PDB file of N, CA and C in Angstrom:
ATOM      1  N   MET A   1       6.238  85.445 -42.210  1.00  0.00           N
ATOM      2  CA  MET A   1       7.216  85.044 -43.305  1.00  0.00           C
ATOM      3  C   MET A   1       7.569  86.230 -44.241  1.00  0.00           C
ATOM      4  N   ILE A   2       8.884  86.231 -44.473  1.00  0.00           N
ATOM      5  CA  ILE A   2       9.255  87.240 -45.248  1.00  0.00           C
ATOM      6  C   ILE A   2       9.195  86.837 -46.839  1.00  0.00           C
ATOM      7  N   THR A   3       9.322  87.673 -47.671  1.00  0.00           N
ATOM      8  CA  THR A   3       9.447  87.504 -49.022  1.00  0.00           C
ATOM      9  C   THR A   3      10.219  86.506 -49.485  1.00  0.00           C
ATOM     10  N   SER A   4      11.702  86.378 -49.153  1.00  0.00           N
ATOM     11  CA  SER A   4      12.650  85.550 -49.587  1.00  0.00           C
ATOM     12  C   SER A   4      12.235  84.079 -49.073  1.00  0.00           C
ATOM     13  N   GLU A   5      11.611  84.051 -47.849  1.00  0.00           N
ATOM     14  CA  GLU A   5      11.237  82.705 -47.538  1.00  0.00           C
ATOM     15  C   GLU A   5      10.133  82.149 -48.167  1.00  0.00           C
ATOM     16  N   MET A   6       9.032  82.968 -48.575  1.00  0.00           N
ATOM     17  CA  MET A   6       7.877  82.656 -49.446  1.00  0.00           C
ATOM     18  C   MET A   6       8.369  82.048 -50.941  1.00  0.00           C
ATOM     19  N   VAL A   7       9.344  82.868 -51.524  1.00  0.00           N
ATOM     20  CA  VAL A   7       9.644  82.446 -52.658  1.00  0.00           C
ATOM     21  C   VAL A   7      10.536  81.109 -52.696  1.00  0.00           C
ATOM     22  N   ARG A   8      11.402  81.053 -51.577  1.00  0.00           N
ATOM     23  CA  ARG A   8      12.241  79.771 -51.642  1.00  0.00           C
ATOM     24  C   ARG A   8      11.160  78.592 -51.308  1.00  0.00           C
ATOM     25  N   GLU A   9      10.127  78.716 -50.367  1.00  0.00           N
ATOM     26  CA  GLU A   9       9.330  77.620 -50.103  1.00  0.00           C
ATOM     27  C   GLU A   9       8.426  77.341 -51.459  1.00  0.00           C
ATOM     28  N   LEU A  10       7.943  78.173 -52.038  1.00  0.00           N
ATOM     29  CA  LEU A  10       7.146  78.121 -53.286  1.00  0.00           C
ATOM     30  C   LEU A  10       8.116  77.241 -54.380  1.00  0.00           C
ATOM     31  N   CYS A  11       9.388  77.677 -54.392  1.00  0.00           N
ATOM     32  CA  CYS A  11      10.052  77.005 -55.460  1.00  0.00           C
ATOM     33  C   CYS A  11      10.377  75.395 -54.951  1.00  0.00           C
ATOM     34  N   GLU A  12      10.609  75.337 -53.715  1.00  0.00           N
ATOM     35  CA  GLU A  12      10.637  73.907 -53.149  1.00  0.00           C
ATOM     36  C   GLU A  12       9.451  73.096 -53.517  1.00  0.00           C
ATOM     37  N   LYS A  13       8.238  73.547 -53.175  1.00  0.00           N
ATOM     38  CA  LYS A  13       7.090  73.063 -53.376  1.00  0.00           C
ATOM     39  C   LYS A  13       6.721  72.628 -54.812  1.00  0.00           C
ATOM     40  N   GLN A  14       7.242  73.548 -55.774  1.00  0.00           N
ATOM     41  CA  GLN A  14       6.999  73.365 -56.984  1.00  0.00           C
ATOM     42  C   GLN A  14       8.078  72.609 -57.770  1.00  0.00           C
ATOM     43  N   ASN A  15       9.202  72.442 -57.089  1.00  0.00           N
ATOM     44  CA  ASN A  15      10.297  71.689 -57.564  1.00  0.00           C
ATOM     45  C   ASN A  15      10.940  72.180 -58.743  1.00  0.00           C
ATOM     46  N   ILE A  16      11.109  73.713 -58.426  1.00  0.00           N
ATOM     47  CA  ILE A  16      11.928  74.451 -59.507  1.00  0.00           C
ATOM     48  C   ILE A  16      13.066  75.155 -58.716  1.00  0.00           C
ATOM     49  N   SER A  17      14.115  75.389 -59.320  1.00  0.00           N
ATOM     50  CA  SER A  17      15.168  76.107 -58.466  1.00  0.00           C
ATOM     51  C   SER A  17      15.210  77.534 -58.781  1.00  0.00           C
ATOM     52  N   ILE A  18      15.687  78.446 -57.969  1.00  0.00           N
ATOM     53  CA  ILE A  18      15.801  79.782 -58.063  1.00  0.00           C
ATOM     54  C   ILE A  18      15.995  80.234 -59.512  1.00  0.00           C
ATOM     55  N   ALA A  19      17.152  79.562 -60.007  1.00  0.00           N
ATOM     56  CA  ALA A  19      17.975  80.196 -61.086  1.00  0.00           C
ATOM     57  C   ALA A  19      16.900  79.751 -62.488  1.00  0.00           C
ATOM     58  N   LYS A  20      16.234  78.666 -62.185  1.00  0.00           N
ATOM     59  CA  LYS A  20      15.051  78.459 -63.330  1.00  0.00           C
ATOM     60  C   LYS A  20      13.986  79.610 -63.227  1.00  0.00           C
ATOM     61  N   LEU A  21      13.479  79.732 -62.096  1.00  0.00           N
ATOM     62  CA  LEU A  21      12.503  80.711 -61.854  1.00  0.00           C
ATOM     63  C   LEU A  21      13.034  82.170 -62.375  1.00  0.00           C
ATOM     64  N   CYS A  22      14.210  82.397 -62.205  1.00  0.00           N
ATOM     65  CA  CYS A  22      14.888  83.667 -62.516  1.00  0.00           C
ATOM     66  C   CYS A  22      14.558  83.832 -64.019  1.00  0.00           C
ATOM     67  N   ARG A  23      14.979  82.844 -64.792  1.00  0.00           N
ATOM     68  CA  ARG A  23      14.800  82.818 -66.205  1.00  0.00           C
ATOM     69  C   ARG A  23      13.306  82.838 -66.570  1.00  0.00           C
ATOM     70  N   CYS A  24      12.455  82.343 -65.855  1.00  0.00           N
ATOM     71  CA  CYS A  24      11.083  82.394 -66.296  1.00  0.00           C
ATOM     72  C   CYS A  24      10.410  83.811 -66.219  1.00  0.00           C
ATOM     73  N   ILE A  25      11.019  84.385 -65.409  1.00  0.00           N
ATOM     74  CA  ILE A  25      10.508  85.930 -65.155  1.00  0.00           C
ATOM     75  C   ILE A  25      11.583  87.018 -65.868  1.00  0.00           C
ATOM     76  N   GLY A  26      12.565  86.369 -66.376  1.00  0.00           N
ATOM     77  CA  GLY A  26      13.398  87.550 -67.043  1.00  0.00           C
ATOM     78  C   GLY A  26      14.287  88.139 -66.385  1.00  0.00           C
ATOM     79  N   GLN A  27      14.788  87.546 -65.137  1.00  0.00           N
ATOM     80  CA  GLN A  27      15.750  88.015 -64.459  1.00  0.00           C
ATOM     81  C   GLN A  27      17.041  87.194 -64.310  1.00  0.00           C
ATOM     82  N   THR A  28      18.230  87.913 -64.203  1.00  0.00           N
ATOM     83  CA  THR A  28      19.395  87.113 -63.713  1.00  0.00           C
ATOM     84  C   THR A  28      19.407  86.536 -62.275  1.00  0.00           C
ATOM     85  N   PRO A  29      19.753  85.360 -62.136  1.00  0.00           N
ATOM     86  CA  PRO A  29      20.052  84.912 -60.754  1.00  0.00           C
ATOM     87  C   PRO A  29      20.682  85.701 -59.849  1.00  0.00           C
ATOM     88  N   GLN A  30      21.790  86.341 -60.251  1.00  0.00           N
ATOM     89  CA  GLN A  30      22.577  87.255 -59.470  1.00  0.00           C
ATOM     90  C   GLN A  30      21.704  88.548 -58.941  1.00  0.00           C
ATOM     91  N   ASN A  31      20.989  89.266 -59.936  1.00  0.00           N
ATOM     92  CA  ASN A  31      20.051  90.243 -59.315  1.00  0.00           C
ATOM     93  C   ASN A  31      19.012  89.794 -58.732  1.00  0.00           C
ATOM     94  N   PHE A  32      18.267  88.723 -58.889  1.00  0.00           N
ATOM     95  CA  PHE A  32      17.183  88.371 -58.033  1.00  0.00           C
ATOM     96  C   PHE A  32      17.710  87.803 -56.688  1.00  0.00           C
ATOM     97  N   ASN A  33      18.700  87.234 -56.537  1.00  0.00           N
ATOM     98  CA  ASN A  33      19.282  86.649 -55.318  1.00  0.00           C
ATOM     99  C   ASN A  33      19.457  87.806 -54.543  1.00  0.00           C
ATOM    100  N   GLU A  34      20.099  88.904 -55.068  1.00  0.00           N
ATOM    101  CA  GLU A  34      20.269  90.045 -54.222  1.00  0.00           C
ATOM    102  C   GLU A  34      19.088  90.625 -53.753  1.00  0.00           C
ATOM    103  N   LYS A  35      17.967  90.693 -54.433  1.00  0.00           N
ATOM    104  CA  LYS A  35      16.644  91.217 -54.122  1.00  0.00           C
ATOM    105  C   LYS A  35      16.046  90.211 -52.948  1.00  0.00           C
ATOM    106  N   LEU A  36      16.313  88.893 -53.116  1.00  0.00           N
ATOM    107  CA  LEU A  36      15.767  88.223 -52.095  1.00  0.00           C
ATOM    108  C   LEU A  36      16.640  88.377 -50.797  1.00  0.00           C
ATOM    109  N   LYS A  37      17.890  88.492 -50.824  1.00  0.00           N
ATOM    110  CA  LYS A  37      18.782  88.897 -49.726  1.00  0.00           C
ATOM    111  C   LYS A  37      18.416  90.173 -48.914  1.00  0.00           C
ATOM    112  N   GLN A  38      17.911  91.195 -49.765  1.00  0.00           N
ATOM    113  CA  GLN A  38      17.736  92.424 -49.427  1.00  0.00           C
ATOM    114  C   GLN A  38      16.035  92.549 -49.098  1.00  0.00           C
ATOM    115  N   ASN A  39      15.277  91.598 -49.395  1.00  0.00           N
ATOM    116  CA  ASN A  39      13.839  91.441 -49.206  1.00  0.00           C
ATOM    117  C   ASN A  39      13.160  92.703 -49.978  1.00  0.00           C
ATOM    118  N   THR A  40      13.713  92.822 -51.170  1.00  0.00           N
ATOM    119  CA  THR A  40      13.181  94.007 -52.132  1.00  0.00           C
ATOM    120  C   THR A  40      12.380  93.646 -53.223  1.00  0.00           C
ATOM    121  N   VAL A  41      11.870  92.258 -53.318  1.00  0.00           N
ATOM    122  CA  VAL A  41      11.046  91.840 -54.376  1.00  0.00           C
ATOM    123  C   VAL A  41       9.685  92.709 -54.517  1.00  0.00           C
ATOM    124  N   SER A  42       9.513  93.167 -55.488  1.00  0.00           N
ATOM    125  CA  SER A  42       8.268  94.069 -55.810  1.00  0.00           C
ATOM    126  C   SER A  42       7.147  93.229 -55.858  1.00  0.00           C
ATOM    127  N   PHE A  43       5.888  93.849 -55.564  1.00  0.00           N
ATOM    128  CA  PHE A  43       4.590  93.433 -55.859  1.00  0.00           C
ATOM    129  C   PHE A  43       4.572  92.721 -57.442  1.00  0.00           C
ATOM    130  N   VAL A  44       4.940  93.479 -58.319  1.00  0.00           N
ATOM    131  CA  VAL A  44       5.022  93.164 -59.674  1.00  0.00           C
ATOM    132  C   VAL A  44       5.621  91.853 -59.940  1.00  0.00           C
ATOM    133  N   GLU A  45       6.932  91.813 -59.178  1.00  0.00           N
ATOM    134  CA  GLU A  45       7.623  90.717 -59.622  1.00  0.00           C
ATOM    135  C   GLU A  45       6.922  89.481 -58.793  1.00  0.00           C
ATOM    136  N   MET A  46       6.383  89.546 -57.663  1.00  0.00           N
ATOM    137  CA  MET A  46       5.767  88.478 -57.035  1.00  0.00           C
ATOM    138  C   MET A  46       4.516  87.949 -57.861  1.00  0.00           C
ATOM    139  N   MET A  47       4.043  88.875 -58.638  1.00  0.00           N
ATOM    140  CA  MET A  47       2.857  88.653 -59.585  1.00  0.00           C
ATOM    141  C   MET A  47       3.422  87.795 -60.642  1.00  0.00           C
ATOM    142  N   ALA A  48       4.578  88.354 -61.168  1.00  0.00           N
ATOM    143  CA  ALA A  48       5.163  87.579 -62.421  1.00  0.00           C
ATOM    144  C   ALA A  48       5.661  86.042 -61.931  1.00  0.00           C
ATOM    145  N   ILE A  49       6.071  85.853 -60.716  1.00  0.00           N
ATOM    146  CA  ILE A  49       6.370  84.523 -60.108  1.00  0.00           C
ATOM    147  C   ILE A  49       5.235  83.648 -60.144  1.00  0.00           C
ATOM    148  N   ALA A  50       4.081  84.244 -59.554  1.00  0.00           N
ATOM    149  CA  ALA A  50       2.861  83.611 -59.412  1.00  0.00           C
ATOM    150  C   ALA A  50       2.516  83.040 -60.854  1.00  0.00           C
ATOM    151  N   GLU A  51       2.494  83.972 -61.691  1.00  0.00           N
ATOM    152  CA  GLU A  51       1.957  83.628 -63.154  1.00  0.00           C
ATOM    153  C   GLU A  51       2.952  82.521 -63.701  1.00  0.00           C
ATOM    154  N   ALA A  52       4.135  82.707 -63.431  1.00  0.00           N
ATOM    155  CA  ALA A  52       5.164  81.748 -64.006  1.00  0.00           C
ATOM    156  C   ALA A  52       4.945  80.359 -63.530  1.00  0.00           C
ATOM    157  N   LEU A  53       4.466  80.179 -62.118  1.00  0.00           N
ATOM    158  CA  LEU A  53       4.424  78.813 -61.490  1.00  0.00           C
ATOM    159  C   LEU A  53       3.014  78.430 -61.338  1.00  0.00           C
ATOM    160  N   GLY A  54       2.015  79.164 -61.990  1.00  0.00           N
ATOM    161  CA  GLY A  54       0.740  78.826 -62.017  1.00  0.00           C
ATOM    162  C   GLY A  54       0.107  78.716 -60.658  1.00  0.00           C
ATOM    163  N   VAL A  55       0.353  79.776 -59.865  1.00  0.00           N
ATOM    164  CA  VAL A  55      -0.267  79.924 -58.585  1.00  0.00           C
ATOM    165  C   VAL A  55      -0.850  81.311 -58.476  1.00  0.00           C
ATOM    166  N   ARG A  56      -1.673  81.658 -57.333  1.00  0.00           N
ATOM    167  CA  ARG A  56      -2.184  82.821 -57.180  1.00  0.00           C
ATOM    168  C   ARG A  56      -1.553  83.635 -55.887  1.00  0.00           C
ATOM    169  N   TYR A  57      -1.149  84.870 -56.184  1.00  0.00           N
ATOM    170  CA  TYR A  57      -0.473  85.714 -55.083  1.00  0.00           C
ATOM    171  C   TYR A  57      -1.412  86.840 -54.755  1.00  0.00           C
ATOM    172  N   GLU A  58      -1.857  87.162 -53.481  1.00  0.00           N
ATOM    173  CA  GLU A  58      -2.577  88.091 -53.239  1.00  0.00           C
ATOM    174  C   GLU A  58      -1.865  88.857 -52.270  1.00  0.00           C
ATOM    175  N   GLN A  59      -2.357  90.274 -52.253  1.00  0.00           N
ATOM    176  CA  GLN A  59      -1.750  91.344 -51.389  1.00  0.00           C
ATOM    177  C   GLN A  59      -3.050  92.054 -50.952  1.00  0.00           C
ATOM    178  N   VAL A  60      -3.104  92.004 -49.567  1.00  0.00           N
ATOM    179  CA  VAL A  60      -4.487  92.471 -48.876  1.00  0.00           C
ATOM    180  C   VAL A  60      -4.179  92.948 -47.467  1.00  0.00           C
ATOM    181  N   PHE A  61      -4.999  94.090 -47.158  1.00  0.00           N
ATOM    182  CA  PHE A  61      -5.056  94.576 -45.757  1.00  0.00           C
ATOM    183  C   PHE A  61      -6.224  94.002 -45.205  1.00  0.00           C
ATOM    184  N   ILE A  62      -6.241  93.355 -44.143  1.00  0.00           N
ATOM    185  CA  ILE A  62      -7.425  92.791 -43.431  1.00  0.00           C
ATOM    186  C   ILE A  62      -7.485  93.511 -41.973  1.00  0.00           C
ATOM    187  N   PHE A  63      -8.647  94.037 -41.718  1.00  0.00           N
ATOM    188  CA  PHE A  63      -8.947  94.663 -40.325  1.00  0.00           C
ATOM    189  C   PHE A  63      -9.155  93.765 -39.399  1.00  0.00           C
ATOM    190  N   PRO A  64      -8.975  93.984 -38.072  1.00  0.00           N
ATOM    191  CA  PRO A  64      -9.342  92.851 -36.977  1.00  0.00           C
ATOM    192  C   PRO A  64     -10.993  92.458 -37.061  1.00  0.00           C
ATOM    193  N   ASN A  65     -11.749  93.431 -37.637  1.00  0.00           N
ATOM    194  CA  ASN A  65     -13.098  92.745 -37.727  1.00  0.00           C
ATOM    195  C   ASN A  65     -13.383  91.937 -39.020  1.00  0.00           C
ATOM    196  N   GLY A  66     -12.300  91.789 -39.846  1.00  0.00           N
ATOM    197  CA  GLY A  66     -12.447  90.837 -40.991  1.00  0.00           C
ATOM    198  C   GLY A  66     -12.396  91.594 -42.401  1.00  0.00           C
ATOM    199  N   GLU A  67     -12.894  92.920 -42.213  1.00  0.00           N
ATOM    200  CA  GLU A  67     -12.980  93.816 -43.382  1.00  0.00           C
ATOM    201  C   GLU A  67     -11.579  93.749 -44.357  1.00  0.00           C
ATOM    202  N   LYS A  68     -11.497  93.637 -45.535  1.00  0.00           N
ATOM    203  CA  LYS A  68     -10.525  93.678 -46.271  1.00  0.00           C
ATOM    204  C   LYS A  68     -10.300  94.846 -47.417  1.00  0.00           C
ATOM    205  N   ILE A  69      -9.084  95.285 -47.710  1.00  0.00           N
ATOM    206  CA  ILE A  69      -8.822  96.221 -48.566  1.00  0.00           C
ATOM    207  C   ILE A  69      -8.030  95.405 -49.753  1.00  0.00           C
ATOM    208  N   GLU A  70      -8.565  95.176 -50.606  1.00  0.00           N
ATOM    209  CA  GLU A  70      -7.524  94.281 -51.605  1.00  0.00           C
ATOM    210  C   GLU A  70      -7.398  94.994 -52.991  1.00  0.00           C
ATOM    211  N   LEU A  71      -6.376  94.551 -53.743  1.00  0.00           N
ATOM    212  CA  LEU A  71      -6.150  94.918 -54.982  1.00  0.00           C
ATOM    213  C   LEU A  71      -6.974  93.968 -55.893  1.00  0.00           C
ATOM    214  N   GLU A  72      -7.279  94.582 -57.068  1.00  0.00           N
ATOM    215  CA  GLU A  72      -8.211  94.087 -58.078  1.00  0.00           C
ATOM    216  C   GLU A  72      -7.401  93.859 -59.247  1.00  0.00           C
TER     217      GLU A  72
END
């Protein structure tokens, strides 16, 4: 799933519009929608989205043997 799909699904499940989410994270809908379209939402922005909506976002590398390299 690409970033834009994740954000849209999250908003749908949290019953919040993209425009309202943008206001919560201090971005304009025009700017953020362009980032969604180009799939250029940064990790920092994803963390801000998670915080604004009260969910956890993780970015992790997972090896085939289950070993993980995670951000802390």
